[in-house]
Amino acid sequence: MAAFFCPHCKGRTKTRTSRGLSATLRELIYQCDDPECSYSFVVQAEAVRTLSPSGKPDPSINLPLSPIAQVRAQNASADTASAAA
């Protein structure tokens, strides 16, 4: 998980709790480590696009391919077509 810094004092934070909201969305509560600040905030982390397709895909998950993944897929198709010719 990505590190988040306190937006107020710029100090380090820790994840206090987290919960899944869906198969691709998670909500996390962070708290500042600085006892004088102690700011708490909510972060939502969501899978938004595919970089590399899964070897065990879940048919209920449909994330778009990233632009680089689209290029890789096109190149792989072209390579397969060239090899077959």
PDB file of N, CA and C in Angstrom:
ATOM      1  N   MET A   1       0.856  -1.182   0.000  1.00  0.00           N
ATOM      2  CA  MET A   1       0.000   0.000   0.000  1.00  0.00           C
ATOM      3  C   MET A   1       0.895   1.236   0.000  1.00  0.00           C
ATOM      4  N   ALA A   2       0.431   2.234  -0.659  1.00  0.00           N
ATOM      5  CA  ALA A   2       1.182   3.486  -0.754  1.00  0.00           C
ATOM      6  C   ALA A   2       1.270   4.169   0.610  1.00  0.00           C
ATOM      7  N   ALA A   3       2.380   4.840   0.843  1.00  0.00           N
ATOM      8  CA  ALA A   3       2.549   5.606   2.073  1.00  0.00           C
ATOM      9  C   ALA A   3       1.847   6.951   1.916  1.00  0.00           C
ATOM     10  N   PHE A   4       1.110   7.332   2.918  1.00  0.00           N
ATOM     11  CA  PHE A   4       0.468   8.637   2.926  1.00  0.00           C
ATOM     12  C   PHE A   4       1.073   9.451   4.050  1.00  0.00           C
ATOM     13  N   PHE A   5       1.322  10.704   3.778  1.00  0.00           N
ATOM     14  CA  PHE A   5       1.826  11.616   4.792  1.00  0.00           C
ATOM     15  C   PHE A   5       0.697  12.533   5.224  1.00  0.00           C
ATOM     16  N   CYS A   6       0.786  13.007   6.445  1.00  0.00           N
ATOM     17  CA  CYS A   6      -0.236  13.892   6.988  1.00  0.00           C
ATOM     18  C   CYS A   6      -0.318  15.156   6.131  1.00  0.00           C
ATOM     19  N   PRO A   7      -1.506  15.496   5.665  1.00  0.00           N
ATOM     20  CA  PRO A   7      -1.632  16.694   4.843  1.00  0.00           C
ATOM     21  C   PRO A   7      -1.438  17.992   5.631  1.00  0.00           C
ATOM     22  N   HIS A   8      -1.464  17.903   6.963  1.00  0.00           N
ATOM     23  CA  HIS A   8      -1.308  19.104   7.783  1.00  0.00           C
ATOM     24  C   HIS A   8       0.133  19.323   8.223  1.00  0.00           C
ATOM     25  N   CYS A   9       0.708  18.341   8.926  1.00  0.00           N
ATOM     26  CA  CYS A   9       2.068  18.540   9.454  1.00  0.00           C
ATOM     27  C   CYS A   9       3.133  17.865   8.585  1.00  0.00           C
ATOM     28  N   LYS A  10       2.706  17.125   7.563  1.00  0.00           N
ATOM     29  CA  LYS A  10       3.598  16.412   6.622  1.00  0.00           C
ATOM     30  C   LYS A  10       4.330  15.243   7.274  1.00  0.00           C
ATOM     31  N   GLY A  11       3.891  14.846   8.470  1.00  0.00           N
ATOM     32  CA  GLY A  11       4.513  13.724   9.176  1.00  0.00           C
ATOM     33  C   GLY A  11       4.040  12.378   8.648  1.00  0.00           C
ATOM     34  N   ARG A  12       4.659  11.319   9.175  1.00  0.00           N
ATOM     35  CA  ARG A  12       4.292   9.951   8.800  1.00  0.00           C
ATOM     36  C   ARG A  12       2.931   9.600   9.379  1.00  0.00           C
ATOM     37  N   THR A  13       2.257   8.680   8.728  1.00  0.00           N
ATOM     38  CA  THR A  13       0.961   8.207   9.212  1.00  0.00           C
ATOM     39  C   THR A  13       0.967   6.688   9.273  1.00  0.00           C
ATOM     40  N   LYS A  14      -0.010   6.134   9.970  1.00  0.00           N
ATOM     41  CA  LYS A  14      -0.210   4.687  10.040  1.00  0.00           C
ATOM     42  C   LYS A  14      -1.654   4.383   9.667  1.00  0.00           C
ATOM     43  N   THR A  15      -1.844   3.216   9.040  1.00  0.00           N
ATOM     44  CA  THR A  15      -3.191   2.731   8.769  1.00  0.00           C
ATOM     45  C   THR A  15      -3.772   2.227  10.079  1.00  0.00           C
ATOM     46  N   ARG A  16      -4.911   2.753  10.461  1.00  0.00           N
ATOM     47  CA  ARG A  16      -5.562   2.318  11.703  1.00  0.00           C
ATOM     48  C   ARG A  16      -6.526   1.174  11.412  1.00  0.00           C
ATOM     49  N   THR A  17      -7.350   1.325  10.393  1.00  0.00           N
ATOM     50  CA  THR A  17      -8.298   0.274  10.002  1.00  0.00           C
ATOM     51  C   THR A  17      -8.481   0.330   8.497  1.00  0.00           C
ATOM     52  N   SER A  18      -9.023  -0.744   7.960  1.00  0.00           N
ATOM     53  CA  SER A  18      -9.399  -0.744   6.555  1.00  0.00           C
ATOM     54  C   SER A  18     -10.550  -1.719   6.363  1.00  0.00           C
ATOM     55  N   ARG A  19     -11.310  -1.479   5.311  1.00  0.00           N
ATOM     56  CA  ARG A  19     -12.403  -2.387   4.998  1.00  0.00           C
ATOM     57  C   ARG A  19     -12.638  -2.373   3.495  1.00  0.00           C
ATOM     58  N   GLY A  20     -12.983  -3.537   2.988  1.00  0.00           N
ATOM     59  CA  GLY A  20     -13.299  -3.644   1.572  1.00  0.00           C
ATOM     60  C   GLY A  20     -14.717  -3.166   1.312  1.00  0.00           C
ATOM     61  N   LEU A  21     -14.874  -2.303   0.326  1.00  0.00           N
ATOM     62  CA  LEU A  21     -16.200  -1.834  -0.050  1.00  0.00           C
ATOM     63  C   LEU A  21     -16.720  -2.595  -1.267  1.00  0.00           C
ATOM     64  N   SER A  22     -15.799  -3.124  -2.068  1.00  0.00           N
ATOM     65  CA  SER A  22     -16.141  -3.958  -3.220  1.00  0.00           C
ATOM     66  C   SER A  22     -14.888  -4.743  -3.593  1.00  0.00           C
ATOM     67  N   ALA A  23     -14.976  -5.511  -4.657  1.00  0.00           N
ATOM     68  CA  ALA A  23     -13.819  -6.306  -5.096  1.00  0.00           C
ATOM     69  C   ALA A  23     -12.666  -5.425  -5.564  1.00  0.00           C
ATOM     70  N   THR A  24     -12.958  -4.189  -5.935  1.00  0.00           N
ATOM     71  CA  THR A  24     -11.912  -3.299  -6.457  1.00  0.00           C
ATOM     72  C   THR A  24     -11.732  -2.019  -5.649  1.00  0.00           C
ATOM     73  N   LEU A  25     -12.476  -1.854  -4.550  1.00  0.00           N
ATOM     74  CA  LEU A  25     -12.418  -0.623  -3.756  1.00  0.00           C
ATOM     75  C   LEU A  25     -12.218  -0.928  -2.278  1.00  0.00           C
ATOM     76  N   ARG A  26     -11.262  -0.256  -1.675  1.00  0.00           N
ATOM     77  CA  ARG A  26     -10.955  -0.416  -0.251  1.00  0.00           C
ATOM     78  C   ARG A  26     -10.890   0.961   0.401  1.00  0.00           C
ATOM     79  N   GLU A  27     -11.432   1.075   1.610  1.00  0.00           N
ATOM     80  CA  GLU A  27     -11.389   2.318   2.372  1.00  0.00           C
ATOM     81  C   GLU A  27     -10.457   2.114   3.562  1.00  0.00           C
ATOM     82  N   LEU A  28      -9.527   3.043   3.746  1.00  0.00           N
ATOM     83  CA  LEU A  28      -8.535   2.951   4.822  1.00  0.00           C
ATOM     84  C   LEU A  28      -8.592   4.208   5.680  1.00  0.00           C
ATOM     85  N   ILE A  29      -8.437   4.042   6.973  1.00  0.00           N
ATOM     86  CA  ILE A  29      -8.369   5.178   7.884  1.00  0.00           C
ATOM     87  C   ILE A  29      -6.919   5.311   8.345  1.00  0.00           C
ATOM     88  N   TYR A  30      -6.345   6.482   8.120  1.00  0.00           N
ATOM     89  CA  TYR A  30      -4.973   6.784   8.504  1.00  0.00           C
ATOM     90  C   TYR A  30      -4.976   7.763   9.660  1.00  0.00           C
ATOM     91  N   GLN A  31      -3.935   7.677  10.506  1.00  0.00           N
ATOM     92  CA  GLN A  31      -3.765   8.622  11.601  1.00  0.00           C
ATOM     93  C   GLN A  31      -2.314   9.084  11.641  1.00  0.00           C
ATOM     94  N   CYS A  32      -2.129  10.369  11.833  1.00  0.00           N
ATOM     95  CA  CYS A  32      -0.798  10.964  11.927  1.00  0.00           C
ATOM     96  C   CYS A  32      -0.073  10.420  13.147  1.00  0.00           C
ATOM     97  N   ASP A  33       1.222  10.083  12.973  1.00  0.00           N
ATOM     98  CA  ASP A  33       2.043   9.576  14.078  1.00  0.00           C
ATOM     99  C   ASP A  33       2.450  10.656  15.080  1.00  0.00           C
ATOM    100  N   ASP A  34       2.392  11.910  14.680  1.00  0.00           N
ATOM    101  CA  ASP A  34       2.794  13.018  15.561  1.00  0.00           C
ATOM    102  C   ASP A  34       1.696  13.240  16.602  1.00  0.00           C
ATOM    103  N   PRO A  35       1.982  12.979  17.886  1.00  0.00           N
ATOM    104  CA  PRO A  35       0.942  13.117  18.913  1.00  0.00           C
ATOM    105  C   PRO A  35       0.403  14.537  19.051  1.00  0.00           C
ATOM    106  N   GLU A  36       1.178  15.530  18.670  1.00  0.00           N
ATOM    107  CA  GLU A  36       0.677  16.910  18.743  1.00  0.00           C
ATOM    108  C   GLU A  36      -0.308  17.198  17.616  1.00  0.00           C
ATOM    109  N   CYS A  37      -0.214  16.481  16.518  1.00  0.00           N
ATOM    110  CA  CYS A  37      -1.113  16.682  15.383  1.00  0.00           C
ATOM    111  C   CYS A  37      -2.305  15.714  15.479  1.00  0.00           C
ATOM    112  N   SER A  38      -2.018  14.407  15.445  1.00  0.00           N
ATOM    113  CA  SER A  38      -3.024  13.331  15.572  1.00  0.00           C
ATOM    114  C   SER A  38      -4.161  13.401  14.567  1.00  0.00           C
ATOM    115  N   TYR A  39      -3.927  14.025  13.437  1.00  0.00           N
ATOM    116  CA  TYR A  39      -4.969  14.119  12.406  1.00  0.00           C
ATOM    117  C   TYR A  39      -5.323  12.733  11.895  1.00  0.00           C
ATOM    118  N   SER A  40      -6.613  12.462  11.680  1.00  0.00           N
ATOM    119  CA  SER A  40      -7.097  11.216  11.098  1.00  0.00           C
ATOM    120  C   SER A  40      -7.838  11.544   9.811  1.00  0.00           C
ATOM    121  N   PHE A  41      -7.692  10.662   8.818  1.00  0.00           N
ATOM    122  CA  PHE A  41      -8.360  10.899   7.539  1.00  0.00           C
ATOM    123  C   PHE A  41      -8.638   9.579   6.832  1.00  0.00           C
ATOM    124  N   VAL A  42      -9.551   9.623   5.872  1.00  0.00           N
ATOM    125  CA  VAL A  42      -9.973   8.441   5.123  1.00  0.00           C
ATOM    126  C   VAL A  42      -9.398   8.506   3.711  1.00  0.00           C
ATOM    127  N   VAL A  43      -8.890   7.367   3.261  1.00  0.00           N
ATOM    128  CA  VAL A  43      -8.365   7.212   1.902  1.00  0.00           C
ATOM    129  C   VAL A  43      -9.158   6.097   1.242  1.00  0.00           C
ATOM    130  N   GLN A  44      -9.507   6.281  -0.017  1.00  0.00           N
ATOM    131  CA  GLN A  44     -10.109   5.204  -0.784  1.00  0.00           C
ATOM    132  C   GLN A  44      -9.122   4.769  -1.859  1.00  0.00           C
ATOM    133  N   ALA A  45      -8.811   3.478  -1.872  1.00  0.00           N
ATOM    134  CA  ALA A  45      -7.900   2.914  -2.861  1.00  0.00           C
ATOM    135  C   ALA A  45      -8.726   2.038  -3.804  1.00  0.00           C
ATOM    136  N   GLU A  46      -8.618   2.322  -5.101  1.00  0.00           N
ATOM    137  CA  GLU A  46      -9.431   1.606  -6.073  1.00  0.00           C
ATOM    138  C   GLU A  46      -8.579   1.126  -7.243  1.00  0.00           C
ATOM    139  N   ALA A  47      -8.786  -0.123  -7.633  1.00  0.00           N
ATOM    140  CA  ALA A  47      -8.171  -0.631  -8.861  1.00  0.00           C
ATOM    141  C   ALA A  47      -8.952  -0.022 -10.023  1.00  0.00           C
ATOM    142  N   VAL A  48      -8.261   0.674 -10.939  1.00  0.00           N
ATOM    143  CA  VAL A  48      -8.963   1.398 -11.999  1.00  0.00           C
ATOM    144  C   VAL A  48      -8.642   0.935 -13.411  1.00  0.00           C
ATOM    145  N   ARG A  49      -7.498   0.250 -13.616  1.00  0.00           N
ATOM    146  CA  ARG A  49      -7.175  -0.262 -14.943  1.00  0.00           C
ATOM    147  C   ARG A  49      -6.193  -1.418 -14.827  1.00  0.00           C
ATOM    148  N   THR A  50      -6.130  -2.213 -15.881  1.00  0.00           N
ATOM    149  CA  THR A  50      -5.298  -3.402 -15.924  1.00  0.00           C
ATOM    150  C   THR A  50      -3.957  -3.089 -16.560  1.00  0.00           C
ATOM    151  N   LEU A  51      -2.884  -3.468 -15.891  1.00  0.00           N
ATOM    152  CA  LEU A  51      -1.538  -3.329 -16.459  1.00  0.00           C
ATOM    153  C   LEU A  51      -1.084  -4.636 -17.090  1.00  0.00           C
ATOM    154  N   SER A  52      -1.427  -5.742 -16.447  1.00  0.00           N
ATOM    155  CA  SER A  52      -1.078  -7.071 -16.941  1.00  0.00           C
ATOM    156  C   SER A  52      -2.252  -7.991 -16.638  1.00  0.00           C
ATOM    157  N   PRO A  53      -2.819  -8.650 -17.645  1.00  0.00           N
ATOM    158  CA  PRO A  53      -3.995  -9.502 -17.401  1.00  0.00           C
ATOM    159  C   PRO A  53      -3.692 -10.633 -16.411  1.00  0.00           C
ATOM    160  N   SER A  54      -4.703 -11.029 -15.670  1.00  0.00           N
ATOM    161  CA  SER A  54      -4.583 -12.101 -14.690  1.00  0.00           C
ATOM    162  C   SER A  54      -4.497 -13.457 -15.379  1.00  0.00           C
ATOM    163  N   GLY A  55      -3.720 -14.343 -14.803  1.00  0.00           N
ATOM    164  CA  GLY A  55      -3.679 -15.719 -15.263  1.00  0.00           C
ATOM    165  C   GLY A  55      -4.874 -16.513 -14.757  1.00  0.00           C
ATOM    166  N   LYS A  56      -5.589 -15.956 -13.777  1.00  0.00           N
ATOM    167  CA  LYS A  56      -6.782 -16.577 -13.200  1.00  0.00           C
ATOM    168  C   LYS A  56      -7.902 -15.535 -13.122  1.00  0.00           C
ATOM    169  N   PRO A  57      -8.383 -15.056 -14.260  1.00  0.00           N
ATOM    170  CA  PRO A  57      -9.340 -13.944 -14.245  1.00  0.00           C
ATOM    171  C   PRO A  57     -10.679 -14.300 -13.593  1.00  0.00           C
ATOM    172  N   ASP A  58     -11.210 -13.321 -12.881  1.00  0.00           N
ATOM    173  CA  ASP A  58     -12.548 -13.407 -12.288  1.00  0.00           C
ATOM    174  C   ASP A  58     -13.494 -12.747 -13.291  1.00  0.00           C
ATOM    175  N   PRO A  59     -14.447 -13.485 -13.837  1.00  0.00           N
ATOM    176  CA  PRO A  59     -15.325 -12.900 -14.862  1.00  0.00           C
ATOM    177  C   PRO A  59     -16.170 -11.724 -14.376  1.00  0.00           C
ATOM    178  N   SER A  60     -16.304 -11.566 -13.066  1.00  0.00           N
ATOM    179  CA  SER A  60     -17.094 -10.441 -12.554  1.00  0.00           C
ATOM    180  C   SER A  60     -16.285  -9.152 -12.500  1.00  0.00           C
ATOM    181  N   ILE A  61     -14.970  -9.231 -12.712  1.00  0.00           N
ATOM    182  CA  ILE A  61     -14.111  -8.042 -12.679  1.00  0.00           C
ATOM    183  C   ILE A  61     -13.827  -7.615 -14.110  1.00  0.00           C
ATOM    184  N   ASN A  62     -14.156  -6.369 -14.417  1.00  0.00           N
ATOM    185  CA  ASN A  62     -13.966  -5.859 -15.771  1.00  0.00           C
ATOM    186  C   ASN A  62     -13.310  -4.484 -15.700  1.00  0.00           C
ATOM    187  N   LEU A  63     -11.976  -4.479 -15.621  1.00  0.00           N
ATOM    188  CA  LEU A  63     -11.230  -3.220 -15.591  1.00  0.00           C
ATOM    189  C   LEU A  63     -10.633  -2.986 -16.977  1.00  0.00           C
ATOM    190  N   PRO A  64     -10.676  -1.756 -17.466  1.00  0.00           N
ATOM    191  CA  PRO A  64     -10.120  -1.483 -18.794  1.00  0.00           C
ATOM    192  C   PRO A  64      -8.606  -1.682 -18.818  1.00  0.00           C
ATOM    193  N   LEU A  65      -8.093  -2.009 -19.998  1.00  0.00           N
ATOM    194  CA  LEU A  65      -6.645  -2.110 -20.182  1.00  0.00           C
ATOM    195  C   LEU A  65      -6.048  -0.716 -20.187  1.00  0.00           C
ATOM    196  N   SER A  66      -4.895  -0.583 -19.553  1.00  0.00           N
ATOM    197  CA  SER A  66      -4.167   0.689 -19.616  1.00  0.00           C
ATOM    198  C   SER A  66      -3.643   0.863 -21.031  1.00  0.00           C
ATOM    199  N   PRO A  67      -3.302   2.085 -21.431  1.00  0.00           N
ATOM    200  CA  PRO A  67      -2.764   2.290 -22.784  1.00  0.00           C
ATOM    201  C   PRO A  67      -1.544   1.415 -23.071  1.00  0.00           C
ATOM    202  N   ILE A  68      -0.644   1.255 -22.111  1.00  0.00           N
ATOM    203  CA  ILE A  68       0.545   0.430 -22.350  1.00  0.00           C
ATOM    204  C   ILE A  68       0.160  -1.040 -22.503  1.00  0.00           C
ATOM    205  N   ALA A  69      -0.828  -1.500 -21.746  1.00  0.00           N
ATOM    206  CA  ALA A  69      -1.279  -2.889 -21.869  1.00  0.00           C
ATOM    207  C   ALA A  69      -1.930  -3.110 -23.229  1.00  0.00           C
ATOM    208  N   GLN A  70      -2.627  -2.101 -23.742  1.00  0.00           N
ATOM    209  CA  GLN A  70      -3.221  -2.210 -25.079  1.00  0.00           C
ATOM    210  C   GLN A  70      -2.135  -2.361 -26.139  1.00  0.00           C
ATOM    211  N   VAL A  71      -1.064  -1.579 -26.028  1.00  0.00           N
ATOM    212  CA  VAL A  71       0.055  -1.666 -26.980  1.00  0.00           C
ATOM    213  C   VAL A  71       0.696  -3.043 -26.899  1.00  0.00           C
ATOM    214  N   ARG A  72       0.915  -3.537 -25.685  1.00  0.00           N
ATOM    215  CA  ARG A  72       1.518  -4.866 -25.514  1.00  0.00           C
ATOM    216  C   ARG A  72       0.644  -5.948 -26.145  1.00  0.00           C
ATOM    217  N   ALA A  73      -0.675  -5.859 -25.936  1.00  0.00           N
ATOM    218  CA  ALA A  73      -1.597  -6.848 -26.500  1.00  0.00           C
ATOM    219  C   ALA A  73      -1.574  -6.786 -28.026  1.00  0.00           C
ATOM    220  N   GLN A  74      -1.538  -5.585 -28.599  1.00  0.00           N
ATOM    221  CA  GLN A  74      -1.471  -5.446 -30.058  1.00  0.00           C
ATOM    222  C   GLN A  74      -0.165  -6.013 -30.591  1.00  0.00           C
ATOM    223  N   ASN A  75       0.943  -5.746 -29.913  1.00  0.00           N
ATOM    224  CA  ASN A  75       2.242  -6.271 -30.342  1.00  0.00           C
ATOM    225  C   ASN A  75       2.271  -7.792 -30.258  1.00  0.00           C
ATOM    226  N   ALA A  76       1.694  -8.354 -29.209  1.00  0.00           N
ATOM    227  CA  ALA A  76       1.651  -9.814 -29.058  1.00  0.00           C
ATOM    228  C   ALA A  76       0.824 -10.437 -30.167  1.00  0.00           C
ATOM    229  N   SER A  77      -0.306  -9.785 -30.521  1.00  0.00           N
ATOM    230  CA  SER A  77      -1.135 -10.290 -31.626  1.00  0.00           C
ATOM    231  C   SER A  77      -0.389 -10.231 -32.939  1.00  0.00           C
ATOM    232  N   ALA A  78       0.332  -9.149 -33.176  1.00  0.00           N
ATOM    233  CA  ALA A  78       1.104  -8.993 -34.411  1.00  0.00           C
ATOM    234  C   ALA A  78       2.218 -10.043 -34.471  1.00  0.00           C
ATOM    235  N   ASP A  79       2.887 -10.280 -33.334  1.00  0.00           N
ATOM    236  CA  ASP A  79       3.956 -11.278 -33.283  1.00  0.00           C
ATOM    237  C   ASP A  79       3.408 -12.675 -33.563  1.00  0.00           C
ATOM    238  N   THR A  80       2.230 -12.990 -33.008  1.00  0.00           N
ATOM    239  CA  THR A  80       1.599 -14.298 -33.223  1.00  0.00           C
ATOM    240  C   THR A  80       1.214 -14.457 -34.687  1.00  0.00           C
ATOM    241  N   ALA A  81       0.669 -13.398 -35.286  1.00  0.00           N
ATOM    242  CA  ALA A  81       0.273 -13.455 -36.697  1.00  0.00           C
ATOM    243  C   ALA A  81       1.498 -13.623 -37.597  1.00  0.00           C
ATOM    244  N   SER A  82       2.589 -12.944 -37.281  1.00  0.00           N
ATOM    245  CA  SER A  82       3.819 -13.048 -38.066  1.00  0.00           C
ATOM    246  C   SER A  82       4.423 -14.442 -37.973  1.00  0.00           C
ATOM    247  N   ALA A  83       4.364 -15.030 -36.768  1.00  0.00           N
ATOM    248  CA  ALA A  83       4.922 -16.361 -36.565  1.00  0.00           C
ATOM    249  C   ALA A  83       4.105 -17.422 -37.299  1.00  0.00           C
ATOM    250  N   ALA A  84       2.804 -17.201 -37.415  1.00  0.00           N
ATOM    251  CA  ALA A  84       1.932 -18.158 -38.092  1.00  0.00           C
ATOM    252  C   ALA A  84       2.080 -18.081 -39.613  1.00  0.00           C
ATOM    253  N   ALA A  85       2.550 -16.971 -40.116  1.00  0.00           N
ATOM    254  CA  ALA A  85       2.653 -16.794 -41.579  1.00  0.00           C
ATOM    255  C   ALA A  85       3.854 -17.463 -42.174  1.00  0.00           C
TER     256      ALA A  85
END
